[in-house]
Amino acid sequence: MSTGRIVVGVTGASGAIYAQRLLMQLAPVYDQVLLIMSRQALQVAELELGVSLDRENFSTKTWLGEEHSNIKLLDSTSYFTPPASGSYRHDGMIICPCSMGTAGRIASGVSNDLMTRAADVCLKEKRPLVMVPREMPWNLIHLRNVTQLAEAGATILPASPAWYGKAQTLEDLADSVVARILQAVGLEHKLFSEWMSDDK
């Protein structure tokens, strides 16, 4: 079932598998997935997943296993794209994984690229903004930044896999985080059982 449009940001933080597994879930649901990837995100995808992504001839097949024409990679340096403006309506934005540098810039209101601008737009328009930091430990600056983001309306969802599901693979662990991201944007899923649920 289609539910419209969503924006996904992928930074250069470690955890490319989270972005990969998340996009696999979003692609069949949304009419349009507007994808913003930093230069470092492309490098991390190659390092961690062995996937070489070509920004000029972007294809999801090597990354997600099949072609999804509804996933559109945007120019991360251009503001002449839909999510840069509040007049463009969508269902929210997910930044996964989110580097602490990106979180800090958004918390400070610094829009120095499309990703930070699109996030700023979500906050000012009061649209869902889900941020998935994958960093430890957090220093005081990190703590203050995420607190400020939460106060501004963002959902801070650290990439903390759940162990009670008795995961068998790395993909299972990643999916336990992706499941919570999907819940945060109001999507049903079958990735991970609810705690003490009778559903198997």
N, C-alpha and C. Protein backbone atom coordinates (compact mmCIF):
# COMPACT_ATOMS: atom_id res chain seq x y z
N MET A 1 0.84 -1.20 0.00
CA MET A 1 0.00 0.00 0.00
C MET A 1 0.87 1.24 0.00
N SER A 2 0.62 2.15 -0.86
CA SER A 2 1.41 3.36 -0.97
C SER A 2 0.95 4.39 0.06
N THR A 3 1.91 5.08 0.66
CA THR A 3 1.56 6.10 1.65
C THR A 3 2.18 7.45 1.33
N GLY A 4 2.61 7.68 0.09
CA GLY A 4 3.08 9.00 -0.26
C GLY A 4 4.57 9.11 -0.47
N ARG A 5 5.18 10.11 0.21
CA ARG A 5 6.58 10.43 -0.02
C ARG A 5 7.32 10.56 1.30
N ILE A 6 8.57 10.13 1.29
CA ILE A 6 9.40 10.24 2.49
C ILE A 6 10.82 10.59 2.07
N VAL A 7 11.52 11.31 2.96
CA VAL A 7 12.90 11.70 2.72
C VAL A 7 13.80 10.86 3.62
N VAL A 8 14.88 10.34 3.05
CA VAL A 8 15.84 9.55 3.82
C VAL A 8 17.23 10.14 3.64
N GLY A 9 17.88 10.46 4.75
CA GLY A 9 19.25 10.94 4.72
C GLY A 9 20.19 9.87 5.24
N VAL A 10 21.32 9.71 4.59
CA VAL A 10 22.33 8.74 5.02
C VAL A 10 23.65 9.49 5.14
N THR A 11 24.20 9.54 6.35
CA THR A 11 25.47 10.24 6.57
C THR A 11 26.62 9.24 6.55
N GLY A 12 27.80 9.74 6.82
CA GLY A 12 28.99 8.90 6.80
C GLY A 12 29.26 8.19 8.11
N ALA A 13 28.30 8.20 9.03
CA ALA A 13 28.47 7.43 10.27
C ALA A 13 28.52 5.95 9.95
N SER A 14 29.22 5.19 10.78
CA SER A 14 29.22 3.74 10.61
C SER A 14 27.81 3.21 10.80
N GLY A 15 27.50 2.12 10.09
CA GLY A 15 26.16 1.54 10.19
C GLY A 15 25.40 1.59 8.89
N ALA A 16 26.12 1.41 7.77
CA ALA A 16 25.47 1.44 6.46
C ALA A 16 24.39 0.37 6.33
N ILE A 17 24.54 -0.71 7.08
CA ILE A 17 23.54 -1.79 7.01
C ILE A 17 22.17 -1.30 7.46
N TYR A 18 22.13 -0.35 8.39
CA TYR A 18 20.84 0.17 8.84
C TYR A 18 20.13 0.89 7.70
N ALA A 19 20.87 1.70 6.96
CA ALA A 19 20.28 2.41 5.82
C ALA A 19 19.82 1.41 4.76
N GLN A 20 20.64 0.42 4.51
CA GLN A 20 20.32 -0.61 3.51
C GLN A 20 19.01 -1.32 3.87
N ARG A 21 18.92 -1.81 5.09
CA ARG A 21 17.74 -2.57 5.52
C ARG A 21 16.50 -1.67 5.60
N LEU A 22 16.71 -0.42 5.99
CA LEU A 22 15.59 0.52 6.06
C LEU A 22 15.01 0.78 4.67
N LEU A 23 15.86 1.03 3.70
CA LEU A 23 15.39 1.31 2.34
C LEU A 23 14.67 0.11 1.74
N MET A 24 15.10 -1.09 2.10
CA MET A 24 14.41 -2.29 1.62
C MET A 24 12.97 -2.32 2.10
N GLN A 25 12.74 -1.77 3.29
CA GLN A 25 11.38 -1.75 3.84
C GLN A 25 10.56 -0.58 3.30
N LEU A 26 11.19 0.54 3.07
CA LEU A 26 10.46 1.72 2.63
C LEU A 26 10.07 1.66 1.15
N ALA A 27 10.92 1.05 0.34
CA ALA A 27 10.70 1.05 -1.11
C ALA A 27 9.34 0.49 -1.53
N PRO A 28 8.87 -0.62 -0.94
CA PRO A 28 7.58 -1.15 -1.37
C PRO A 28 6.38 -0.36 -0.84
N VAL A 29 6.61 0.56 0.08
CA VAL A 29 5.51 1.24 0.77
C VAL A 29 5.22 2.61 0.18
N TYR A 30 6.27 3.35 -0.15
CA TYR A 30 6.10 4.74 -0.56
C TYR A 30 6.11 4.91 -2.08
N ASP A 31 5.33 5.86 -2.54
CA ASP A 31 5.38 6.23 -3.96
C ASP A 31 6.76 6.76 -4.32
N GLN A 32 7.32 7.54 -3.39
CA GLN A 32 8.59 8.18 -3.67
C GLN A 32 9.45 8.20 -2.41
N VAL A 33 10.68 7.74 -2.54
CA VAL A 33 11.68 7.83 -1.47
C VAL A 33 12.78 8.74 -1.99
N LEU A 34 12.88 9.93 -1.40
CA LEU A 34 13.90 10.90 -1.80
C LEU A 34 15.12 10.68 -0.93
N LEU A 35 16.20 10.22 -1.55
CA LEU A 35 17.39 9.79 -0.84
C LEU A 35 18.49 10.84 -0.93
N ILE A 36 19.04 11.19 0.23
CA ILE A 36 20.16 12.13 0.29
C ILE A 36 21.33 11.39 0.94
N MET A 37 22.43 11.25 0.21
CA MET A 37 23.61 10.57 0.74
C MET A 37 24.81 11.49 0.66
N SER A 38 25.51 11.60 1.77
CA SER A 38 26.74 12.39 1.76
C SER A 38 27.84 11.63 1.03
N ARG A 39 28.89 12.33 0.68
CA ARG A 39 30.03 11.69 0.03
C ARG A 39 30.61 10.60 0.93
N GLN A 40 30.67 10.88 2.22
CA GLN A 40 31.21 9.91 3.17
C GLN A 40 30.30 8.69 3.28
N ALA A 41 28.98 8.89 3.13
CA ALA A 41 28.05 7.76 3.19
C ALA A 41 28.33 6.76 2.07
N LEU A 42 28.66 7.27 0.89
CA LEU A 42 29.01 6.39 -0.23
C LEU A 42 30.27 5.60 0.09
N GLN A 43 31.24 6.26 0.72
CA GLN A 43 32.49 5.60 1.07
C GLN A 43 32.26 4.52 2.12
N VAL A 44 31.42 4.81 3.11
CA VAL A 44 31.15 3.84 4.18
C VAL A 44 30.39 2.63 3.64
N ALA A 45 29.46 2.86 2.71
CA ALA A 45 28.72 1.75 2.10
C ALA A 45 29.68 0.78 1.41
N GLU A 46 30.69 1.33 0.76
CA GLU A 46 31.68 0.47 0.09
C GLU A 46 32.55 -0.24 1.10
N LEU A 47 32.95 0.47 2.15
CA LEU A 47 33.81 -0.13 3.17
C LEU A 47 33.10 -1.23 3.95
N GLU A 48 31.87 -0.96 4.38
CA GLU A 48 31.18 -1.89 5.28
C GLU A 48 30.37 -2.96 4.55
N LEU A 49 29.85 -2.64 3.37
CA LEU A 49 28.98 -3.57 2.67
C LEU A 49 29.57 -4.08 1.36
N GLY A 50 30.71 -3.51 0.95
CA GLY A 50 31.32 -3.91 -0.32
C GLY A 50 30.50 -3.46 -1.51
N VAL A 51 29.72 -2.38 -1.33
CA VAL A 51 28.84 -1.89 -2.39
C VAL A 51 29.41 -0.59 -2.95
N SER A 52 29.64 -0.56 -4.25
CA SER A 52 30.13 0.64 -4.91
C SER A 52 28.95 1.35 -5.56
N LEU A 53 28.61 2.52 -5.05
CA LEU A 53 27.47 3.27 -5.55
C LEU A 53 27.95 4.43 -6.42
N ASP A 54 27.40 4.52 -7.61
CA ASP A 54 27.76 5.56 -8.56
C ASP A 54 26.71 6.66 -8.51
N ARG A 55 27.10 7.84 -8.04
CA ARG A 55 26.13 8.92 -7.91
C ARG A 55 25.57 9.35 -9.27
N GLU A 56 26.39 9.28 -10.32
CA GLU A 56 25.97 9.72 -11.64
C GLU A 56 25.02 8.72 -12.31
N ASN A 57 25.25 7.45 -12.07
CA ASN A 57 24.39 6.41 -12.65
C ASN A 57 23.86 5.53 -11.52
N PHE A 58 23.10 6.14 -10.65
CA PHE A 58 22.67 5.47 -9.43
C PHE A 58 21.66 4.36 -9.72
N SER A 59 21.91 3.21 -9.11
CA SER A 59 21.00 2.07 -9.21
C SER A 59 20.92 1.41 -7.83
N THR A 60 19.73 1.00 -7.45
CA THR A 60 19.57 0.34 -6.15
C THR A 60 19.83 -1.16 -6.23
N LYS A 61 20.00 -1.70 -7.41
CA LYS A 61 20.06 -3.16 -7.56
C LYS A 61 21.22 -3.78 -6.81
N THR A 62 22.41 -3.21 -6.94
CA THR A 62 23.57 -3.81 -6.29
C THR A 62 23.51 -3.62 -4.77
N TRP A 63 22.81 -2.59 -4.33
CA TRP A 63 22.74 -2.27 -2.91
C TRP A 63 21.59 -2.97 -2.21
N LEU A 64 20.42 -2.97 -2.86
CA LEU A 64 19.22 -3.50 -2.22
C LEU A 64 18.75 -4.83 -2.82
N GLY A 65 19.44 -5.29 -3.84
CA GLY A 65 19.08 -6.58 -4.41
C GLY A 65 18.11 -6.51 -5.58
N GLU A 66 17.46 -5.38 -5.75
CA GLU A 66 16.56 -5.19 -6.89
C GLU A 66 16.43 -3.70 -7.20
N GLU A 67 15.96 -3.43 -8.40
CA GLU A 67 15.81 -2.05 -8.82
C GLU A 67 14.52 -1.47 -8.26
N HIS A 68 14.63 -0.29 -7.67
CA HIS A 68 13.46 0.43 -7.16
C HIS A 68 13.46 1.81 -7.81
N SER A 69 12.64 1.96 -8.81
CA SER A 69 12.61 3.22 -9.55
C SER A 69 12.03 4.37 -8.72
N ASN A 70 11.35 4.05 -7.62
CA ASN A 70 10.76 5.09 -6.78
C ASN A 70 11.76 5.68 -5.79
N ILE A 71 12.97 5.12 -5.72
CA ILE A 71 14.03 5.69 -4.89
C ILE A 71 14.86 6.61 -5.77
N LYS A 72 14.87 7.88 -5.43
CA LYS A 72 15.57 8.87 -6.24
C LYS A 72 16.70 9.49 -5.42
N LEU A 73 17.93 9.35 -5.90
CA LEU A 73 19.09 9.94 -5.22
C LEU A 73 19.20 11.40 -5.62
N LEU A 74 19.19 12.27 -4.62
CA LEU A 74 19.26 13.71 -4.86
C LEU A 74 20.69 14.22 -4.77
N ASP A 75 20.93 15.36 -5.35
CA ASP A 75 22.23 16.02 -5.25
C ASP A 75 22.33 16.63 -3.86
N SER A 76 23.23 16.11 -3.05
CA SER A 76 23.33 16.54 -1.65
C SER A 76 23.83 17.97 -1.50
N THR A 77 24.29 18.59 -2.60
CA THR A 77 24.80 19.96 -2.53
C THR A 77 23.80 20.98 -3.07
N SER A 78 22.68 20.51 -3.61
CA SER A 78 21.74 21.41 -4.28
C SER A 78 20.50 21.68 -3.44
N TYR A 79 20.15 22.97 -3.35
CA TYR A 79 18.90 23.33 -2.69
C TYR A 79 17.74 23.40 -3.68
N PHE A 80 18.03 23.18 -4.96
CA PHE A 80 16.99 23.19 -5.97
C PHE A 80 16.39 21.79 -6.10
N THR A 81 15.93 21.29 -4.98
CA THR A 81 15.29 19.98 -4.90
C THR A 81 14.10 20.11 -3.96
N PRO A 82 13.09 19.28 -4.11
CA PRO A 82 11.85 19.44 -3.34
C PRO A 82 12.01 19.54 -1.81
N PRO A 83 12.78 18.67 -1.14
CA PRO A 83 12.78 18.72 0.32
C PRO A 83 13.45 19.95 0.91
N ALA A 84 14.05 20.79 0.08
CA ALA A 84 14.69 22.01 0.58
C ALA A 84 13.67 23.09 0.91
N SER A 85 12.41 22.87 0.52
CA SER A 85 11.39 23.88 0.75
C SER A 85 10.22 23.34 1.57
N GLY A 86 9.70 24.16 2.45
CA GLY A 86 8.54 23.77 3.24
C GLY A 86 7.28 23.64 2.41
N SER A 87 7.27 24.18 1.22
CA SER A 87 6.08 24.08 0.36
C SER A 87 5.92 22.67 -0.20
N TYR A 88 6.99 21.89 -0.17
CA TYR A 88 6.93 20.50 -0.64
C TYR A 88 6.49 19.61 0.53
N ARG A 89 5.33 19.02 0.39
CA ARG A 89 4.77 18.22 1.48
C ARG A 89 5.18 16.75 1.36
N HIS A 90 5.58 16.20 2.46
CA HIS A 90 5.94 14.78 2.50
C HIS A 90 5.64 14.24 3.90
N ASP A 91 5.89 12.97 4.09
CA ASP A 91 5.49 12.30 5.34
C ASP A 91 6.55 12.35 6.43
N GLY A 92 7.68 13.00 6.16
CA GLY A 92 8.72 13.10 7.18
C GLY A 92 10.08 12.70 6.65
N MET A 93 11.06 12.78 7.53
CA MET A 93 12.44 12.49 7.16
C MET A 93 13.09 11.58 8.20
N ILE A 94 13.88 10.65 7.71
CA ILE A 94 14.67 9.75 8.56
C ILE A 94 16.13 9.95 8.20
N ILE A 95 16.98 10.20 9.19
CA ILE A 95 18.42 10.26 8.94
C ILE A 95 19.04 9.04 9.61
N CYS A 96 19.51 8.11 8.80
CA CYS A 96 19.95 6.80 9.30
C CYS A 96 21.09 6.24 8.45
N PRO A 97 22.26 6.04 9.04
CA PRO A 97 22.65 6.48 10.37
C PRO A 97 22.94 7.99 10.35
N CYS A 98 22.89 8.58 11.52
CA CYS A 98 23.11 10.02 11.65
C CYS A 98 24.41 10.28 12.40
N SER A 99 25.33 10.96 11.76
CA SER A 99 26.59 11.30 12.42
C SER A 99 26.35 12.40 13.45
N MET A 100 27.20 12.46 14.44
CA MET A 100 27.06 13.50 15.45
C MET A 100 27.37 14.88 14.87
N GLY A 101 28.18 14.93 13.82
CA GLY A 101 28.43 16.20 13.15
C GLY A 101 27.16 16.72 12.50
N THR A 102 26.43 15.84 11.82
CA THR A 102 25.16 16.24 11.21
C THR A 102 24.16 16.66 12.27
N ALA A 103 24.07 15.87 13.34
CA ALA A 103 23.15 16.20 14.43
C ALA A 103 23.48 17.58 15.01
N GLY A 104 24.77 17.86 15.19
CA GLY A 104 25.19 19.13 15.76
C GLY A 104 24.83 20.30 14.87
N ARG A 105 25.00 20.14 13.55
CA ARG A 105 24.67 21.22 12.63
C ARG A 105 23.16 21.49 12.62
N ILE A 106 22.37 20.41 12.63
CA ILE A 106 20.92 20.59 12.64
C ILE A 106 20.48 21.24 13.95
N ALA A 107 21.06 20.80 15.07
CA ALA A 107 20.71 21.36 16.37
C ALA A 107 21.04 22.84 16.45
N SER A 108 22.07 23.26 15.72
CA SER A 108 22.49 24.67 15.74
C SER A 108 21.81 25.50 14.67
N GLY A 109 20.97 24.87 13.86
CA GLY A 109 20.29 25.60 12.79
C GLY A 109 21.19 25.92 11.61
N VAL A 110 22.28 25.15 11.46
CA VAL A 110 23.22 25.37 10.36
C VAL A 110 22.86 24.46 9.19
N SER A 111 22.37 25.04 8.11
CA SER A 111 21.99 24.28 6.92
C SER A 111 23.08 24.47 5.86
N ASN A 112 24.06 23.59 5.88
CA ASN A 112 25.18 23.73 4.95
C ASN A 112 25.14 22.75 3.79
N ASP A 113 24.10 21.92 3.74
CA ASP A 113 23.90 21.03 2.60
C ASP A 113 22.42 20.65 2.57
N LEU A 114 22.04 19.83 1.59
CA LEU A 114 20.63 19.49 1.44
C LEU A 114 20.11 18.70 2.62
N MET A 115 20.95 17.82 3.19
CA MET A 115 20.49 17.00 4.30
C MET A 115 20.10 17.85 5.51
N THR A 116 21.00 18.76 5.88
CA THR A 116 20.71 19.60 7.05
C THR A 116 19.57 20.58 6.76
N ARG A 117 19.49 21.06 5.54
CA ARG A 117 18.39 21.95 5.17
C ARG A 117 17.06 21.21 5.23
N ALA A 118 17.00 20.00 4.68
CA ALA A 118 15.76 19.22 4.68
C ALA A 118 15.31 18.91 6.10
N ALA A 119 16.27 18.63 6.99
CA ALA A 119 15.94 18.38 8.39
C ALA A 119 15.41 19.63 9.05
N ASP A 120 16.04 20.76 8.76
CA ASP A 120 15.60 22.04 9.31
C ASP A 120 14.17 22.35 8.87
N VAL A 121 13.87 22.04 7.61
CA VAL A 121 12.52 22.24 7.09
C VAL A 121 11.51 21.39 7.87
N CYS A 122 11.87 20.14 8.15
CA CYS A 122 10.98 19.27 8.92
C CYS A 122 10.67 19.87 10.28
N LEU A 123 11.68 20.40 10.94
CA LEU A 123 11.47 20.98 12.26
C LEU A 123 10.59 22.22 12.20
N LYS A 124 10.86 23.08 11.22
CA LYS A 124 10.08 24.31 11.16
C LYS A 124 8.64 24.06 10.70
N GLU A 125 8.43 23.01 9.90
CA GLU A 125 7.10 22.68 9.43
C GLU A 125 6.40 21.67 10.34
N LYS A 126 7.09 21.26 11.41
CA LYS A 126 6.56 20.30 12.38
C LYS A 126 6.18 18.97 11.73
N ARG A 127 7.08 18.51 10.85
CA ARG A 127 6.92 17.19 10.26
C ARG A 127 7.82 16.21 11.00
N PRO A 128 7.50 14.92 10.96
CA PRO A 128 8.34 13.94 11.65
C PRO A 128 9.79 13.98 11.18
N LEU A 129 10.70 14.01 12.14
CA LEU A 129 12.13 13.91 11.86
C LEU A 129 12.70 12.87 12.81
N VAL A 130 13.12 11.74 12.26
CA VAL A 130 13.67 10.65 13.05
C VAL A 130 15.17 10.59 12.79
N MET A 131 15.94 10.71 13.87
CA MET A 131 17.39 10.73 13.74
C MET A 131 17.97 9.51 14.46
N VAL A 132 18.83 8.76 13.75
CA VAL A 132 19.34 7.49 14.26
C VAL A 132 20.86 7.59 14.44
N PRO A 133 21.30 8.15 15.57
CA PRO A 133 22.75 8.25 15.80
C PRO A 133 23.36 6.89 16.09
N ARG A 134 24.58 6.70 15.59
CA ARG A 134 25.31 5.47 15.87
C ARG A 134 26.72 5.89 16.31
N GLU A 135 26.81 6.22 17.57
CA GLU A 135 28.06 6.75 18.11
C GLU A 135 28.12 6.41 19.59
N MET A 136 29.31 6.11 20.09
CA MET A 136 29.48 5.92 21.53
C MET A 136 30.94 6.09 21.89
N PRO A 137 31.22 6.57 23.09
CA PRO A 137 30.26 7.18 24.01
C PRO A 137 29.86 8.57 23.53
N TRP A 138 28.85 9.14 24.16
CA TRP A 138 28.44 10.50 23.84
C TRP A 138 29.12 11.47 24.79
N ASN A 139 29.71 12.53 24.23
CA ASN A 139 30.28 13.55 25.11
C ASN A 139 29.19 14.57 25.46
N LEU A 140 29.54 15.55 26.26
CA LEU A 140 28.55 16.52 26.71
C LEU A 140 27.95 17.31 25.56
N ILE A 141 28.77 17.61 24.55
CA ILE A 141 28.26 18.34 23.38
C ILE A 141 27.20 17.51 22.66
N HIS A 142 27.49 16.21 22.48
CA HIS A 142 26.52 15.32 21.84
C HIS A 142 25.21 15.31 22.63
N LEU A 143 25.33 15.16 23.94
CA LEU A 143 24.14 15.10 24.79
C LEU A 143 23.31 16.37 24.69
N ARG A 144 23.97 17.50 24.70
CA ARG A 144 23.24 18.76 24.60
C ARG A 144 22.60 18.93 23.23
N ASN A 145 23.30 18.50 22.19
CA ASN A 145 22.75 18.61 20.84
C ASN A 145 21.50 17.76 20.67
N VAL A 146 21.55 16.50 21.10
CA VAL A 146 20.37 15.65 20.92
C VAL A 146 19.22 16.10 21.82
N THR A 147 19.56 16.66 22.98
CA THR A 147 18.50 17.22 23.84
C THR A 147 17.81 18.38 23.13
N GLN A 148 18.60 19.25 22.52
CA GLN A 148 18.04 20.39 21.80
C GLN A 148 17.19 19.93 20.63
N LEU A 149 17.64 18.88 19.93
CA LEU A 149 16.87 18.34 18.81
C LEU A 149 15.55 17.76 19.28
N ALA A 150 15.59 17.03 20.40
CA ALA A 150 14.36 16.46 20.94
C ALA A 150 13.39 17.56 21.37
N GLU A 151 13.93 18.61 21.96
CA GLU A 151 13.08 19.74 22.37
C GLU A 151 12.47 20.44 21.16
N ALA A 152 13.17 20.40 20.03
CA ALA A 152 12.68 21.03 18.81
C ALA A 152 11.67 20.16 18.07
N GLY A 153 11.52 18.91 18.51
CA GLY A 153 10.51 18.05 17.90
C GLY A 153 11.02 16.80 17.22
N ALA A 154 12.34 16.62 17.16
CA ALA A 154 12.89 15.42 16.51
C ALA A 154 12.74 14.20 17.42
N THR A 155 12.65 13.04 16.81
CA THR A 155 12.71 11.77 17.54
C THR A 155 14.14 11.26 17.48
N ILE A 156 14.76 11.07 18.63
CA ILE A 156 16.12 10.56 18.68
C ILE A 156 16.04 9.06 18.95
N LEU A 157 16.47 8.28 17.97
CA LEU A 157 16.33 6.83 18.04
C LEU A 157 17.70 6.19 17.83
N PRO A 158 18.49 6.05 18.90
CA PRO A 158 19.83 5.50 18.75
C PRO A 158 19.80 4.08 18.17
N ALA A 159 20.80 3.76 17.39
CA ALA A 159 20.89 2.43 16.77
C ALA A 159 21.33 1.42 17.83
N SER A 160 20.38 1.03 18.65
CA SER A 160 20.64 0.07 19.74
C SER A 160 19.85 -1.20 19.47
N PRO A 161 20.48 -2.21 18.87
CA PRO A 161 19.74 -3.44 18.53
C PRO A 161 19.14 -4.11 19.77
N ALA A 162 18.00 -4.76 19.58
CA ALA A 162 17.35 -5.49 20.66
C ALA A 162 17.82 -6.94 20.64
N TRP A 163 18.08 -7.48 21.80
CA TRP A 163 18.60 -8.84 21.90
C TRP A 163 17.52 -9.84 22.28
N TYR A 164 16.37 -9.39 22.79
CA TYR A 164 15.36 -10.33 23.25
C TYR A 164 14.71 -11.11 22.12
N GLY A 165 14.90 -10.64 20.87
CA GLY A 165 14.35 -11.36 19.73
C GLY A 165 15.19 -12.55 19.31
N LYS A 166 16.32 -12.76 20.01
CA LYS A 166 17.22 -13.89 19.73
C LYS A 166 17.65 -13.90 18.26
N ALA A 167 18.23 -12.79 17.86
CA ALA A 167 18.68 -12.65 16.47
C ALA A 167 19.69 -13.72 16.10
N GLN A 168 19.59 -14.19 14.87
CA GLN A 168 20.49 -15.22 14.37
C GLN A 168 21.56 -14.65 13.45
N THR A 169 21.31 -13.47 12.90
CA THR A 169 22.23 -12.89 11.94
C THR A 169 22.42 -11.40 12.23
N LEU A 170 23.42 -10.81 11.59
CA LEU A 170 23.61 -9.37 11.69
C LEU A 170 22.41 -8.63 11.10
N GLU A 171 21.83 -9.19 10.06
CA GLU A 171 20.66 -8.59 9.44
C GLU A 171 19.49 -8.56 10.42
N ASP A 172 19.34 -9.63 11.20
CA ASP A 172 18.28 -9.66 12.21
C ASP A 172 18.47 -8.54 13.23
N LEU A 173 19.70 -8.35 13.66
CA LEU A 173 19.98 -7.29 14.64
C LEU A 173 19.68 -5.92 14.05
N ALA A 174 20.13 -5.72 12.82
CA ALA A 174 19.86 -4.44 12.16
C ALA A 174 18.36 -4.21 12.01
N ASP A 175 17.63 -5.28 11.69
CA ASP A 175 16.19 -5.16 11.50
C ASP A 175 15.46 -4.80 12.78
N SER A 176 16.03 -5.16 13.93
CA SER A 176 15.38 -4.79 15.20
C SER A 176 15.40 -3.27 15.38
N VAL A 177 16.43 -2.61 14.85
CA VAL A 177 16.48 -1.14 14.87
C VAL A 177 15.56 -0.58 13.79
N VAL A 178 15.61 -1.16 12.60
CA VAL A 178 14.75 -0.69 11.50
C VAL A 178 13.28 -0.79 11.89
N ALA A 179 12.92 -1.84 12.62
CA ALA A 179 11.53 -2.00 13.05
C ALA A 179 11.08 -0.82 13.90
N ARG A 180 11.95 -0.35 14.79
CA ARG A 180 11.59 0.79 15.64
C ARG A 180 11.52 2.08 14.83
N ILE A 181 12.35 2.19 13.80
CA ILE A 181 12.28 3.37 12.93
C ILE A 181 10.94 3.39 12.20
N LEU A 182 10.53 2.24 11.69
CA LEU A 182 9.26 2.15 10.98
C LEU A 182 8.10 2.51 11.91
N GLN A 183 8.17 2.03 13.14
CA GLN A 183 7.13 2.37 14.11
C GLN A 183 7.10 3.88 14.36
N ALA A 184 8.28 4.50 14.39
CA ALA A 184 8.37 5.93 14.68
C ALA A 184 7.72 6.78 13.60
N VAL A 185 7.65 6.26 12.37
CA VAL A 185 6.98 7.01 11.30
C VAL A 185 5.60 6.43 10.99
N GLY A 186 5.12 5.56 11.89
CA GLY A 186 3.75 5.07 11.80
C GLY A 186 3.50 3.95 10.82
N LEU A 187 4.54 3.15 10.53
CA LEU A 187 4.39 2.05 9.58
C LEU A 187 4.34 0.71 10.29
N GLU A 188 3.45 -0.15 9.83
CA GLU A 188 3.40 -1.52 10.33
C GLU A 188 4.55 -2.33 9.73
N HIS A 189 4.96 -3.37 10.42
CA HIS A 189 6.05 -4.21 9.92
C HIS A 189 5.93 -5.61 10.51
N LYS A 190 6.72 -6.52 9.92
CA LYS A 190 6.78 -7.89 10.42
C LYS A 190 8.23 -8.29 10.68
N LEU A 191 9.06 -7.31 10.94
CA LEU A 191 10.48 -7.57 11.11
C LEU A 191 10.82 -8.15 12.47
N PHE A 192 10.07 -7.74 13.47
CA PHE A 192 10.46 -8.04 14.85
C PHE A 192 9.20 -8.09 15.69
N SER A 193 9.09 -9.12 16.53
CA SER A 193 7.89 -9.28 17.35
C SER A 193 7.84 -8.23 18.46
N GLU A 194 6.63 -7.80 18.76
CA GLU A 194 6.46 -6.90 19.88
C GLU A 194 6.78 -7.63 21.19
N TRP A 195 7.25 -6.89 22.14
CA TRP A 195 7.62 -7.47 23.44
C TRP A 195 6.41 -8.15 24.09
N MET A 196 6.58 -9.42 24.44
CA MET A 196 5.55 -10.25 25.10
C MET A 196 4.27 -10.37 24.28
N SER A 197 4.42 -10.23 22.97
CA SER A 197 3.26 -10.36 22.09
C SER A 197 2.98 -11.84 21.83
N ASP A 198 1.71 -12.17 21.60
CA ASP A 198 1.35 -13.54 21.27
C ASP A 198 1.64 -13.85 19.80
N ASP A 199 1.85 -12.80 19.00
CA ASP A 199 2.13 -13.00 17.57
C ASP A 199 3.50 -13.61 17.39
N LYS A 200 3.61 -14.60 16.58
CA LYS A 200 4.90 -15.27 16.30
C LYS A 200 5.27 -15.05 14.85
